[in-house]
C-alpha atoms as a PDB file:
ATOM      1  CA  UNK A   1     188.421 135.171 329.473  1.00  0.00           C
ATOM      2  CA  UNK A   2     190.280 138.160 328.148  1.00  0.00           C
ATOM      3  CA  UNK A   3     190.573 141.337 330.200  1.00  0.00           C
ATOM      4  CA  UNK A   4     192.214 144.439 328.851  1.00  0.00           C
ATOM      5  CA  UNK A   5     195.263 145.257 331.023  1.00  0.00           C
ATOM      6  CA  UNK A   6     193.877 148.764 331.472  1.00  0.00           C
ATOM      7  CA  UNK A   7     190.992 147.369 333.558  1.00  0.00           C
ATOM      8  CA  UNK A   8     192.678 144.472 335.336  1.00  0.00           C
ATOM      9  CA  UNK A   9     193.999 146.392 338.347  1.00  0.00           C
ATOM     10  CA  UNK A  10     190.732 148.308 338.725  1.00  0.00           C
ATOM     11  CA  UNK A  11     188.717 145.085 338.717  1.00  0.00           C
ATOM     12  CA  UNK A  12     191.026 143.504 341.287  1.00  0.00           C
ATOM     13  CA  UNK A  13     190.762 146.568 343.519  1.00  0.00           C
ATOM     14  CA  UNK A  14     186.962 146.526 343.295  1.00  0.00           C
ATOM     15  CA  UNK A  15     186.893 142.836 344.181  1.00  0.00           C
ATOM     16  CA  UNK A  16     189.184 143.423 347.168  1.00  0.00           C
ATOM     17  CA  UNK A  17     186.896 146.193 348.410  1.00  0.00           C
ATOM     18  CA  UNK A  18     183.854 143.944 348.081  1.00  0.00           C
ATOM     19  CA  UNK A  19     185.649 141.111 349.845  1.00  0.00           C
ATOM     20  CA  UNK A  20     186.607 143.452 352.699  1.00  0.00           C
ATOM     21  CA  UNK A  21     183.006 144.608 353.111  1.00  0.00           C
ATOM     22  CA  UNK A  22     181.728 141.036 353.095  1.00  0.00           C
ATOM     23  CA  UNK A  23     184.355 139.957 355.641  1.00  0.00           C
ATOM     24  CA  UNK A  24     183.205 142.773 357.962  1.00  0.00           C
ATOM     25  CA  UNK A  25     179.598 141.674 357.542  1.00  0.00           C
ATOM     26  CA  UNK A  26     180.537 138.052 358.244  1.00  0.00           C
ATOM     27  CA  UNK A  27     182.591 139.087 361.278  1.00  0.00           C
ATOM     28  CA  UNK A  28     179.532 140.752 362.789  1.00  0.00           C
ATOM     29  CA  UNK A  29     177.635 137.463 362.370  1.00  0.00           C
ATOM     30  CA  UNK A  30     180.380 135.323 363.903  1.00  0.00           C
ATOM     31  CA  UNK A  31     179.103 132.937 366.554  1.00  0.00           C
ATOM     32  CA  UNK A  32     175.515 133.218 365.358  1.00  0.00           C
ATOM     33  CA  UNK A  33     173.475 130.523 363.636  1.00  0.00           C
ATOM     34  CA  UNK A  34     174.059 129.929 359.929  1.00  0.00           C
ATOM     35  CA  UNK A  35     171.173 132.032 358.619  1.00  0.00           C
ATOM     36  CA  UNK A  36     170.148 132.403 354.993  1.00  0.00           C
ATOM     37  CA  UNK A  37     171.860 135.811 354.720  1.00  0.00           C
ATOM     38  CA  UNK A  38     175.051 134.461 356.290  1.00  0.00           C
ATOM     39  CA  UNK A  39     175.071 131.556 353.826  1.00  0.00           C
ATOM     40  CA  UNK A  40     174.571 133.991 350.946  1.00  0.00           C
ATOM     41  CA  UNK A  41     177.463 136.182 352.152  1.00  0.00           C
ATOM     42  CA  UNK A  42     179.712 133.129 352.435  1.00  0.00           C
ATOM     43  CA  UNK A  43     178.724 132.014 348.939  1.00  0.00           C
ATOM     44  CA  UNK A  44     179.358 135.515 347.549  1.00  0.00           C
ATOM     45  CA  UNK A  45     182.759 135.620 349.269  1.00  0.00           C
ATOM     46  CA  UNK A  46     183.747 132.312 347.669  1.00  0.00           C
ATOM     47  CA  UNK A  47     182.574 133.485 344.243  1.00  0.00           C
ATOM     48  CA  UNK A  48     184.603 136.688 344.569  1.00  0.00           C
ATOM     49  CA  UNK A  49     187.696 134.673 345.488  1.00  0.00           C
ATOM     50  CA  UNK A  50     187.186 132.539 342.378  1.00  0.00           C
ATOM     51  CA  UNK A  51     186.675 135.622 340.204  1.00  0.00           C
ATOM     52  CA  UNK A  52     189.815 137.203 341.639  1.00  0.00           C
ATOM     53  CA  UNK A  53     191.774 134.104 340.666  1.00  0.00           C
ATOM     54  CA  UNK A  54     190.325 134.135 337.138  1.00  0.00           C
ATOM     55  CA  UNK A  55     191.305 137.783 336.690  1.00  0.00           C
ATOM     56  CA  UNK A  56     194.833 137.126 337.993  1.00  0.00           C
ATOM     57  CA  UNK A  57     195.426 134.390 335.426  1.00  0.00           C
ATOM     58  CA  UNK A  58     193.639 136.155 332.547  1.00  0.00           C
ATOM     59  CA  UNK A  59     195.940 137.352 329.818  1.00  0.00           C
END
């Protein structure tokens, strides 16, 4: 995957903002049963972490 350096920092910032929002949503669900929406948030959080890693190593 090739990402123009001009957009790399912006993409990383956007991902961090999304991860922060998801972590707040997950925090509000802490201690509750693992519902479908909670599973989806957890899955999205993991995907964002993977994407963040891909962007970091992209040249």
